[in-house]
Amino acid sequence: MTVSVDKSILSDLPLIVRVLSSGGDARIRLDAATGLNRYHSAPRPGDLLAFASSTANDISAAAFAQVERRLEAIGEAPSGAVYGEALEALRGRIRAAYGLPGDVAVVFAPSGTDLEYVALACLAGRAPGGTHNILLGADEVGSGCIHSAHGRYFAEQTALGVPTRAGEPVPGLEGVLVDLIDIPVRDSDGRVRPSREIADGMARGIETARAQGRHTLVHVVHGSKTGLILPALDDIDRLQAAHPEDATFAIDACQARITGAAVRDYLERGAIVFATGSKFMGGPPFSGFALVPAGAAAAAPALPPGLETIFRRAEWPALWPGAERLEDSANAGLLLRLEASIFELERFQRLAPAEVERVILAFHAAVRAEIVDRTPARRVAPYPPGEREEADTHPIEMRTLSTLDLSGMGSGASTFEDAQKWHKALLAYGVRLGQPVKCVRLASGDWGATLRIGLAMWQIVERAEMADQALAESFADDMARVREALEAVTA
């Protein structure tokens, strides 16, 4: 494998940055003028004040040093065998970090969007009528997932460098007859819908699919773009009890704001869990992995032929049917991005829960004191109206992300499009936040302005060493800078 990059863009950058920017689709490429990708980040430690873990991270200095050591060990063009050994070691580290049994299969992917193909591959041929895919909250998951959830390509090129066209079927998945419906997690006014209401909609979809001879893939969101967990575990149990043979569950935990206990709860219910390394974990964009319970992996058919254009052999477990047909090469960029992510996951998991909570609550308090209490900004509730107590049972990691409604800032009622401009304009003030999300409805019917502010694992690890007063002052200083930048760009 050789690193394929545009030398006019990357020739002056260190080798490690060039490798970390390789082995993905167009979203990973660095711009010639800025040296940043389309998310305004790059795979090297940055000088910006970045609280953008809901979109894309700058790699920490510690993880960057770890990746440099790993690159020196494997070289920029490792063999397929070396790649396979390295990914197998990462499988063991992921299982250890989450406390999982050794029979949980781990499938690696170039991005979270590609993980959808893993679930579809597990269900290929399950029912004569094909697969009925229920995607939850399309506005609150990655936009490319609409294509991949249909079994279609979502970009102009895969991580293998194969030219494709967004929207075209992946060979072998077109026979799955994927029929996708989207169940919104918010109503027309942007309010979160109750878990039971969402689960009832899923039940109707499963029953319709069964009548058509189809098996249903049901998506659960554990940590959406605005921190939602829907439907609740008891509603999942109710659905499984009513439809034990007709539905398989996929857990979209791609933000990685999930505890090991929650991962185990889902896997014990036979669900496939998706996670990425580039959000809360803090690794550089893009990388992903699917955790497949032993039963689902054992029942999986041979991989559809079109996955040969997307995945390499070592990215699937060695005994997976059809994996032997995949290209036996290496993706050094993906390996190093995964290395950075799992390095951060391991550091985070070594922290005592009380220390994690102490840092997160200090962050939460600073966002309120410096931004919410001092500007027209308000927090968007990550729970249905009247269910705050239920939200308090969510994992503490959910409080690492605040979605800010900024529609009261600027002149008049500010819109989603205003927020898109502000998101980019903040860079000139040395600040980067998470991209806007359509979750606030204005009286005009337009979507209101939002931005997201969130921690990454490495930011918690590094601040856990601080005493209480220093911790509070540190976050207060940072949030004051964010506030001043927001006031400047919205003036």
Protein backbone atom coordinates (compact mmCIF):
# COMPACT_ATOMS: atom_id res chain seq x y z
CA MET A 1 0.00 0.00 0.00
CA THR A 2 1.31 3.45 -0.86
CA VAL A 3 -0.02 6.72 0.45
CA SER A 4 -1.96 8.38 -2.36
CA VAL A 5 -2.13 12.15 -1.83
CA ASP A 6 -2.05 15.34 -3.82
CA LYS A 7 1.56 16.47 -3.47
CA SER A 8 0.63 20.07 -4.24
CA ILE A 9 -1.40 20.07 -1.04
CA LEU A 10 0.65 17.99 1.34
CA SER A 11 4.23 18.10 0.11
CA ASP A 12 5.31 20.48 2.86
CA LEU A 13 3.57 18.62 5.66
CA PRO A 14 5.23 15.96 7.84
CA LEU A 15 4.87 12.35 6.73
CA ILE A 16 2.72 11.52 9.74
CA VAL A 17 0.15 14.17 8.74
CA ARG A 18 0.11 12.92 5.16
CA VAL A 19 -0.48 9.34 6.25
CA LEU A 20 -3.21 10.35 8.71
CA SER A 21 -4.91 12.21 5.83
CA SER A 22 -4.93 9.13 3.58
CA GLY A 23 -7.12 6.07 3.25
CA GLY A 24 -10.54 7.72 3.37
CA ASP A 25 -13.10 9.40 1.16
CA ALA A 26 -13.06 13.04 0.06
CA ARG A 27 -14.04 14.32 3.50
CA ILE A 28 -10.58 13.55 4.84
CA ARG A 29 -8.61 15.53 2.28
CA LEU A 30 -6.80 18.69 3.32
CA ASP A 31 -7.43 21.97 1.53
CA ALA A 32 -4.47 23.44 -0.36
CA ALA A 33 -4.95 26.94 1.06
CA THR A 34 -5.72 26.13 4.69
CA GLY A 35 -4.23 22.71 5.33
CA LEU A 36 -7.56 21.76 6.93
CA ASN A 37 -10.32 19.34 5.95
CA ARG A 38 -13.91 20.40 5.32
CA TYR A 39 -14.57 20.32 9.06
CA HIS A 40 -11.81 22.90 9.64
CA SER A 41 -9.61 20.38 11.45
CA ALA A 42 -6.40 18.53 10.62
CA PRO A 43 -4.63 15.43 11.97
CA ARG A 44 -2.08 17.34 14.01
CA PRO A 45 -2.22 19.20 17.32
CA GLY A 46 -3.78 22.61 16.71
CA ASP A 47 -3.66 26.08 18.24
CA LEU A 48 -7.41 26.71 18.08
CA LEU A 49 -9.56 26.59 21.19
CA ALA A 50 -11.56 23.60 20.01
CA PHE A 51 -14.64 22.19 21.71
CA ALA A 52 -15.86 20.47 18.57
CA SER A 53 -15.93 16.78 19.48
CA SER A 54 -19.48 16.52 18.12
CA THR A 55 -18.10 17.17 14.61
CA ALA A 56 -14.35 16.57 14.36
CA ASN A 57 -11.31 16.85 16.60
CA ASP A 58 -7.77 18.05 16.53
CA ILE A 59 -5.58 15.21 17.75
CA SER A 60 -4.02 15.64 21.20
CA ALA A 61 -0.26 16.04 21.57
CA ALA A 62 -0.06 12.77 23.51
CA ALA A 63 -1.96 10.80 20.86
CA PHE A 64 0.09 12.41 18.09
CA ALA A 65 3.30 11.25 19.77
CA GLN A 66 1.81 7.76 20.13
CA VAL A 67 0.92 7.66 16.45
CA GLU A 68 4.40 8.85 15.46
CA ARG A 69 5.89 5.92 17.38
CA ARG A 70 3.43 3.54 15.72
CA LEU A 71 4.29 4.84 12.24
CA GLU A 72 7.97 4.34 12.93
CA ALA A 73 7.24 0.73 13.90
CA ILE A 74 5.07 -0.23 10.90
CA GLY A 75 6.34 2.11 8.17
CA GLU A 76 4.18 4.11 5.76
CA ALA A 77 3.46 1.07 3.55
CA PRO A 78 2.84 -1.94 5.81
CA SER A 79 2.00 -5.32 4.31
CA GLY A 80 -1.43 -6.89 4.58
CA ALA A 81 -0.03 -9.28 7.18
CA VAL A 82 1.31 -6.47 9.36
CA TYR A 83 -1.99 -4.63 8.99
CA GLY A 84 -3.89 -7.73 10.04
CA GLU A 85 -1.74 -8.26 13.14
CA ALA A 86 -2.15 -4.61 14.14
CA LEU A 87 -5.93 -4.63 13.73
CA GLU A 88 -6.21 -7.89 15.65
CA ALA A 89 -4.31 -6.27 18.52
CA LEU A 90 -6.72 -3.30 18.38
CA ARG A 91 -9.67 -5.70 18.60
CA GLY A 92 -8.30 -7.03 21.88
CA ARG A 93 -7.72 -3.52 23.23
CA ILE A 94 -11.28 -2.44 22.36
CA ARG A 95 -12.77 -5.48 24.07
CA ALA A 96 -10.61 -4.85 27.14
CA ALA A 97 -11.54 -1.14 27.27
CA TYR A 98 -15.28 -1.87 27.23
CA GLY A 99 -15.08 -5.09 29.26
CA LEU A 100 -16.38 -7.30 26.43
CA PRO A 101 -16.06 -11.07 25.99
CA GLY A 102 -13.61 -12.40 23.43
CA ASP A 103 -16.34 -13.70 21.12
CA VAL A 104 -17.63 -10.21 20.26
CA ALA A 105 -16.62 -9.63 16.63
CA VAL A 106 -15.03 -6.28 15.75
CA VAL A 107 -15.28 -4.95 12.18
CA PHE A 108 -13.28 -1.84 11.28
CA ALA A 109 -14.41 0.76 8.75
CA PRO A 110 -12.96 3.91 7.16
CA SER A 111 -15.77 6.02 8.67
CA GLY A 112 -18.95 5.79 10.69
CA THR A 113 -20.96 6.07 7.48
CA ASP A 114 -19.40 2.83 6.18
CA LEU A 115 -20.54 0.95 9.30
CA GLU A 116 -24.07 0.76 7.92
CA TYR A 117 -22.79 -1.76 5.37
CA VAL A 118 -21.74 -4.06 8.22
CA ALA A 119 -25.29 -4.34 9.56
CA LEU A 120 -26.75 -4.82 6.07
CA ALA A 121 -24.18 -7.53 5.36
CA CYS A 122 -25.18 -9.35 8.56
CA LEU A 123 -28.82 -9.42 7.41
CA ALA A 124 -28.38 -10.18 3.70
CA GLY A 125 -30.74 -13.01 2.77
CA ARG A 126 -32.38 -13.12 6.21
CA ALA A 127 -35.87 -12.75 4.71
CA PRO A 128 -37.21 -13.42 1.19
CA GLY A 129 -38.53 -9.87 0.81
CA GLY A 130 -35.25 -8.23 1.79
CA THR A 131 -34.41 -5.78 4.55
CA HIS A 132 -36.62 -3.02 5.93
CA ASN A 133 -34.35 -0.38 7.45
CA ILE A 134 -35.70 2.00 10.10
CA LEU A 135 -33.31 4.91 10.48
CA LEU A 136 -33.89 7.07 13.51
CA GLY A 137 -33.47 10.83 13.27
CA ALA A 138 -31.79 11.32 9.91
CA ASP A 139 -31.13 14.97 10.78
CA GLU A 140 -29.22 13.87 13.88
CA VAL A 141 -26.90 11.29 12.32
CA GLY A 142 -24.34 11.62 9.54
CA SER A 143 -25.84 12.83 6.26
CA GLY A 144 -24.10 10.14 4.22
CA CYS A 145 -25.90 7.48 6.26
CA ILE A 146 -29.03 8.02 4.16
CA HIS A 147 -27.17 6.53 1.19
CA SER A 148 -25.31 3.79 3.05
CA ALA A 149 -28.49 2.76 4.91
CA HIS A 150 -30.02 2.11 1.48
CA GLY A 151 -27.04 -0.05 0.51
CA ARG A 152 -25.71 2.68 -1.79
CA TYR A 153 -22.36 4.41 -2.18
CA PHE A 154 -22.28 7.80 -0.47
CA ALA A 155 -19.12 9.38 -1.92
CA GLU A 156 -17.23 9.73 -5.18
CA GLN A 157 -14.47 7.37 -4.07
CA THR A 158 -14.08 4.66 -1.44
CA ALA A 159 -11.17 4.28 0.98
CA LEU A 160 -9.75 1.71 -1.45
CA GLY A 161 -9.54 4.42 -4.10
CA VAL A 162 -12.34 2.88 -6.16
CA PRO A 163 -14.29 5.56 -8.10
CA THR A 164 -18.00 5.48 -7.28
CA ARG A 165 -21.07 7.67 -7.64
CA ALA A 166 -23.09 8.71 -4.62
CA GLY A 167 -26.49 7.04 -4.72
CA GLU A 168 -25.48 4.06 -6.86
CA PRO A 169 -26.15 0.61 -5.34
CA VAL A 170 -23.27 -1.33 -3.79
CA PRO A 171 -23.13 -4.59 -5.81
CA GLY A 172 -24.74 -7.38 -3.86
CA LEU A 173 -26.65 -5.03 -1.58
CA GLU A 174 -29.13 -4.04 -4.26
CA GLY A 175 -30.48 -7.60 -3.92
CA VAL A 176 -31.12 -6.97 -0.24
CA LEU A 177 -34.03 -4.76 -1.31
CA VAL A 178 -33.38 -2.22 1.40
CA ASP A 179 -36.51 -0.20 2.08
CA LEU A 180 -35.68 2.68 4.41
CA ILE A 181 -37.98 4.87 6.45
CA ASP A 182 -36.90 7.66 8.77
CA ILE A 183 -38.58 8.17 12.13
CA PRO A 184 -37.86 11.72 13.33
CA VAL A 185 -36.60 12.12 16.89
CA ARG A 186 -38.06 15.64 17.05
CA ASP A 187 -41.46 17.02 16.16
CA SER A 188 -42.07 19.82 13.65
CA ASP A 189 -41.27 22.40 16.35
CA GLY A 190 -37.94 20.78 17.22
CA ARG A 191 -39.10 19.21 20.51
CA VAL A 192 -37.78 15.74 21.35
CA ARG A 193 -40.39 13.04 20.85
CA PRO A 194 -41.08 10.64 23.75
CA SER A 195 -39.35 7.28 23.66
CA ARG A 196 -42.58 5.30 23.70
CA GLU A 197 -43.97 7.26 20.75
CA ILE A 198 -40.84 6.49 18.74
CA ALA A 199 -40.94 2.82 19.75
CA ASP A 200 -44.59 2.57 18.72
CA GLY A 201 -43.66 3.92 15.28
CA MET A 202 -40.92 1.31 15.06
CA ALA A 203 -43.38 -1.44 16.01
CA ARG A 204 -45.70 -0.42 13.18
CA GLY A 205 -42.77 -0.49 10.76
CA ILE A 206 -41.73 -3.97 11.89
CA GLU A 207 -45.28 -5.29 11.53
CA THR A 208 -45.62 -3.83 8.02
CA ALA A 209 -42.27 -5.32 6.98
CA ARG A 210 -43.17 -8.74 8.35
CA ALA A 211 -46.37 -8.74 6.27
CA GLN A 212 -44.20 -8.06 3.21
CA GLY A 213 -41.78 -10.88 4.02
CA ARG A 214 -39.00 -8.52 5.13
CA HIS A 215 -36.67 -8.50 8.11
CA THR A 216 -36.32 -5.14 9.87
CA LEU A 217 -33.09 -3.43 10.89
CA VAL A 218 -34.04 -1.00 13.67
CA HIS A 219 -31.69 1.84 14.55
CA VAL A 220 -31.35 3.09 18.10
CA VAL A 221 -29.59 6.40 18.75
CA HIS A 222 -27.26 6.44 21.75
CA GLY A 223 -25.87 9.94 21.67
CA SER A 224 -27.18 11.83 18.66
CA LYS A 225 -25.73 15.09 17.37
CA THR A 226 -27.55 16.80 20.24
CA GLY A 227 -27.00 14.10 22.86
CA LEU A 228 -30.25 12.13 22.61
CA ILE A 229 -30.69 8.48 23.66
CA LEU A 230 -33.78 7.05 21.94
CA PRO A 231 -35.64 4.81 22.35
CA ALA A 232 -35.03 3.87 25.99
CA LEU A 233 -33.79 0.42 26.94
CA ASP A 234 -37.15 -0.70 28.35
CA ASP A 235 -38.84 0.23 25.06
CA ILE A 236 -36.21 -1.77 23.17
CA ASP A 237 -36.98 -4.73 25.43
CA ARG A 238 -40.70 -4.30 24.68
CA LEU A 239 -40.03 -4.31 20.93
CA GLN A 240 -37.81 -7.38 21.15
CA ALA A 241 -40.35 -9.28 23.21
CA ALA A 242 -43.09 -8.53 20.68
CA HIS A 243 -40.95 -9.22 17.58
CA PRO A 244 -38.24 -11.74 18.57
CA GLU A 245 -37.62 -13.05 15.04
CA ASP A 246 -38.55 -10.10 12.89
CA ALA A 247 -36.08 -7.37 13.89
CA THR A 248 -32.38 -6.81 14.48
CA PHE A 249 -31.18 -3.71 16.32
CA ALA A 250 -28.25 -1.48 15.39
CA ILE A 251 -27.07 1.01 17.99
CA ASP A 252 -25.77 4.26 16.54
CA ALA A 253 -23.26 5.23 19.23
CA CYS A 254 -21.02 6.91 16.65
CA GLN A 255 -20.49 9.90 18.93
CA ALA A 256 -18.88 7.36 21.34
CA ARG A 257 -20.54 9.02 24.34
CA ILE A 258 -21.32 5.62 25.80
CA THR A 259 -20.15 3.62 28.80
CA GLY A 260 -18.85 0.08 28.72
CA ALA A 261 -21.89 -0.98 30.73
CA ALA A 262 -24.23 0.43 28.07
CA VAL A 263 -22.27 -1.29 25.29
CA ARG A 264 -22.60 -4.60 27.14
CA ASP A 265 -26.34 -4.05 27.72
CA TYR A 266 -26.92 -3.64 24.00
CA LEU A 267 -24.71 -6.56 22.94
CA GLU A 268 -26.45 -8.86 25.43
CA ARG A 269 -29.68 -8.05 23.60
CA GLY A 270 -28.16 -9.14 20.30
CA ALA A 271 -27.71 -5.61 18.97
CA ILE A 272 -24.85 -4.46 16.73
CA VAL A 273 -23.10 -1.38 18.15
CA PHE A 274 -21.51 1.30 15.94
CA ALA A 275 -18.81 3.65 17.27
CA THR A 276 -16.32 6.05 15.72
CA GLY A 277 -12.98 7.25 17.00
CA SER A 278 -13.21 10.81 15.78
CA LYS A 279 -15.92 12.32 18.00
CA PHE A 280 -15.90 12.02 21.81
CA MET A 281 -12.95 9.60 21.67
CA GLY A 282 -10.85 12.42 20.27
CA GLY A 283 -9.04 10.73 17.39
CA PRO A 284 -8.66 12.48 14.02
CA PRO A 285 -11.32 11.98 11.31
CA PHE A 286 -12.20 9.30 10.10
CA SER A 287 -12.41 5.82 11.65
CA GLY A 288 -15.09 3.47 12.90
CA PHE A 289 -15.78 0.01 14.26
CA ALA A 290 -18.83 -2.20 14.66
CA LEU A 291 -19.21 -4.52 17.64
CA VAL A 292 -21.14 -7.58 16.51
CA PRO A 293 -22.46 -10.05 19.11
CA ALA A 294 -21.30 -13.63 18.69
CA GLY A 295 -24.72 -14.92 17.62
CA ALA A 296 -25.13 -12.34 14.87
CA ALA A 297 -21.61 -12.94 13.59
CA ALA A 298 -22.11 -16.73 13.53
CA ALA A 299 -25.35 -16.38 11.54
CA ALA A 300 -23.98 -13.90 9.00
CA PRO A 301 -23.92 -14.94 5.32
CA ALA A 302 -20.98 -14.42 2.96
CA LEU A 303 -20.10 -10.80 2.36
CA PRO A 304 -21.82 -9.18 -0.65
CA PRO A 305 -19.35 -8.74 -3.55
CA GLY A 306 -19.63 -4.96 -3.55
CA LEU A 307 -17.93 -4.76 -0.17
CA GLU A 308 -14.72 -5.65 -2.01
CA THR A 309 -14.74 -2.03 -3.20
CA ILE A 310 -14.98 -0.66 0.35
CA PHE A 311 -13.18 -2.90 2.85
CA ARG A 312 -9.83 -4.66 3.15
CA ARG A 313 -9.50 -8.24 4.32
CA ALA A 314 -8.05 -7.56 7.76
CA GLU A 315 -10.84 -5.13 8.63
CA TRP A 316 -13.21 -8.10 9.01
CA PRO A 317 -12.60 -11.02 11.41
CA ALA A 318 -10.52 -13.70 9.72
CA LEU A 319 -13.24 -16.39 9.71
CA TRP A 320 -16.05 -14.15 8.47
CA PRO A 321 -17.61 -15.80 5.36
CA GLY A 322 -16.39 -14.10 2.22
CA ALA A 323 -13.66 -12.06 3.93
CA GLU A 324 -11.06 -14.02 1.99
CA ARG A 325 -12.26 -12.31 -1.21
CA LEU A 326 -11.37 -8.85 0.09
CA GLU A 327 -8.15 -7.15 -0.96
CA ASP A 328 -5.24 -8.23 1.24
CA SER A 329 -3.63 -4.81 1.55
CA ALA A 330 -3.17 -2.19 4.26
CA ASN A 331 -4.70 1.19 5.04
CA ALA A 332 -1.97 2.82 7.10
CA GLY A 333 -4.01 5.99 7.55
CA LEU A 334 -6.97 4.15 9.05
CA LEU A 335 -4.70 2.09 11.29
CA LEU A 336 -3.01 5.17 12.72
CA ARG A 337 -6.31 7.01 13.19
CA LEU A 338 -7.64 4.00 15.07
CA GLU A 339 -4.45 3.85 17.12
CA ALA A 340 -4.96 7.47 18.21
CA SER A 341 -8.60 6.83 19.10
CA ILE A 342 -8.05 3.65 21.10
CA PHE A 343 -5.08 5.27 22.86
CA GLU A 344 -7.48 8.01 24.03
CA LEU A 345 -10.19 5.50 24.96
CA GLU A 346 -7.74 3.56 27.14
CA ARG A 347 -6.52 6.73 28.87
CA PHE A 348 -10.09 7.78 29.55
CA GLN A 349 -11.16 4.37 30.87
CA ARG A 350 -8.33 4.42 33.40
CA LEU A 351 -9.84 7.48 35.11
CA ALA A 352 -11.95 6.92 38.21
CA PRO A 353 -15.64 7.64 37.51
CA ALA A 354 -15.64 10.32 40.20
CA GLU A 355 -12.84 12.18 38.42
CA VAL A 356 -14.67 12.00 35.09
CA GLU A 357 -17.80 13.39 36.70
CA ARG A 358 -15.87 16.17 38.45
CA VAL A 359 -14.40 17.43 35.17
CA ILE A 360 -17.63 17.14 33.20
CA LEU A 361 -19.66 19.00 35.82
CA ALA A 362 -17.05 21.76 35.92
CA PHE A 363 -17.34 22.09 32.13
CA HIS A 364 -21.13 22.10 32.35
CA ALA A 365 -21.08 24.81 34.99
CA ALA A 366 -18.72 27.00 32.97
CA VAL A 367 -20.89 26.79 29.85
CA ARG A 368 -23.85 27.97 31.90
CA ALA A 369 -22.04 30.70 33.83
CA GLU A 370 -20.04 32.18 30.95
CA ILE A 371 -22.37 31.67 27.97
CA VAL A 372 -25.95 30.76 28.88
CA ASP A 373 -26.24 33.22 31.78
CA ARG A 374 -24.45 36.08 30.00
CA THR A 375 -25.84 35.98 26.45
CA PRO A 376 -29.19 35.29 24.74
CA ALA A 377 -27.97 31.74 24.08
CA ARG A 378 -29.86 28.89 25.70
CA ARG A 379 -29.33 25.17 25.96
CA VAL A 380 -31.39 22.84 23.77
CA ALA A 381 -32.83 20.16 26.06
CA PRO A 382 -31.55 16.64 25.21
CA TYR A 383 -34.79 15.04 26.43
CA PRO A 384 -38.54 15.23 25.72
CA PRO A 385 -40.58 17.98 27.40
CA GLY A 386 -41.29 17.08 31.03
CA GLU A 387 -38.74 14.25 31.15
CA ARG A 388 -35.76 15.96 32.74
CA GLU A 389 -35.64 13.37 35.54
CA GLU A 390 -35.39 10.61 32.94
CA ALA A 391 -32.51 12.43 31.27
CA ASP A 392 -30.69 12.57 34.61
CA THR A 393 -30.34 8.79 34.37
CA HIS A 394 -28.34 9.12 31.13
CA PRO A 395 -24.61 8.38 31.35
CA ILE A 396 -22.54 11.30 32.61
CA GLU A 397 -20.80 11.36 29.20
CA MET A 398 -23.99 12.85 27.74
CA ARG A 399 -23.25 16.02 29.68
CA THR A 400 -20.04 16.49 27.71
CA LEU A 401 -22.11 18.04 24.92
CA SER A 402 -24.29 21.15 24.96
CA THR A 403 -26.29 22.30 21.95
CA LEU A 404 -26.67 26.07 22.09
CA ASP A 405 -29.70 27.80 20.62
CA LEU A 406 -28.25 31.04 19.23
CA SER A 407 -31.37 32.20 17.41
CA GLY A 408 -31.65 35.12 19.85
CA MET A 409 -28.18 36.38 18.98
CA GLY A 410 -27.48 38.66 16.05
CA SER A 411 -30.04 40.98 14.50
CA GLY A 412 -33.54 39.55 14.43
CA ALA A 413 -34.30 35.84 14.62
CA SER A 414 -31.10 34.12 13.49
CA THR A 415 -31.35 31.06 11.27
CA PHE A 416 -29.54 27.80 10.65
CA GLU A 417 -27.81 29.44 7.70
CA ASP A 418 -26.56 32.23 9.98
CA ALA A 419 -25.09 29.59 12.27
CA GLN A 420 -23.26 27.99 9.36
CA LYS A 421 -21.60 31.35 8.64
CA TRP A 422 -20.79 31.91 12.33
CA HIS A 423 -19.27 28.45 12.62
CA LYS A 424 -16.71 29.32 9.98
CA ALA A 425 -16.24 32.93 11.16
CA LEU A 426 -15.28 31.72 14.66
CA LEU A 427 -12.04 30.34 13.22
CA ALA A 428 -10.72 33.87 12.78
CA TYR A 429 -11.07 34.30 16.55
CA GLY A 430 -9.21 31.07 17.29
CA VAL A 431 -12.35 29.11 18.25
CA ARG A 432 -13.89 26.00 16.72
CA LEU A 433 -17.21 24.51 17.86
CA GLY A 434 -19.44 21.72 16.58
CA GLN A 435 -21.47 22.35 13.45
CA PRO A 436 -25.10 23.56 13.65
CA VAL A 437 -28.00 21.09 13.79
CA LYS A 438 -31.62 21.63 12.77
CA CYS A 439 -33.34 21.27 16.13
CA VAL A 440 -34.80 24.72 16.93
CA ARG A 441 -37.86 25.97 15.05
CA LEU A 442 -38.45 29.71 14.65
CA ALA A 443 -41.87 31.39 14.56
CA SER A 444 -41.29 31.96 10.84
CA GLY A 445 -41.03 28.23 10.30
CA ASP A 446 -37.31 28.42 9.52
CA TRP A 447 -34.75 26.42 11.47
CA GLY A 448 -32.99 28.50 14.09
CA ALA A 449 -29.28 29.05 14.66
CA THR A 450 -27.46 26.45 16.78
CA LEU A 451 -23.89 25.44 17.49
CA ARG A 452 -22.57 22.66 19.69
CA ILE A 453 -19.90 22.80 22.35
CA GLY A 454 -18.43 19.54 23.57
CA LEU A 455 -15.52 17.88 25.30
CA ALA A 456 -13.34 15.06 23.98
CA MET A 457 -11.90 12.29 26.12
CA TRP A 458 -8.39 13.72 26.07
CA GLN A 459 -9.63 17.06 27.37
CA ILE A 460 -11.15 15.28 30.36
CA VAL A 461 -8.00 13.22 30.95
CA GLU A 462 -5.71 16.23 30.90
CA ARG A 463 -7.92 18.37 33.15
CA ALA A 464 -8.50 15.58 35.64
CA GLU A 465 -5.02 16.37 36.98
CA MET A 466 -6.17 19.86 38.07
CA ALA A 467 -7.37 20.78 41.54
CA ASP A 468 -10.96 22.01 41.79
CA GLN A 469 -10.23 25.74 41.69
CA ALA A 470 -7.75 25.50 38.84
CA LEU A 471 -10.20 23.30 36.93
CA ALA A 472 -13.04 25.78 37.34
CA GLU A 473 -10.84 28.72 36.35
CA SER A 474 -9.55 26.88 33.30
CA PHE A 475 -13.02 26.17 31.95
CA ALA A 476 -14.23 29.65 32.87
CA ASP A 477 -11.39 31.21 30.88
CA ASP A 478 -12.11 29.00 27.88
CA MET A 479 -15.85 29.61 27.92
CA ALA A 480 -15.26 33.36 28.26
CA ARG A 481 -13.17 33.20 25.08
CA VAL A 482 -15.92 31.26 23.34
CA ARG A 483 -18.50 33.81 24.47
CA GLU A 484 -16.42 36.76 23.28
CA ALA A 485 -15.93 35.11 19.90
CA LEU A 486 -19.65 34.36 19.58
CA GLU A 487 -20.51 37.95 20.46
CA ALA A 488 -18.05 39.18 17.84
CA VAL A 489 -19.32 37.02 14.97
CA THR A 490 -22.99 37.61 15.76
CA ALA A 491 -22.69 41.38 16.20
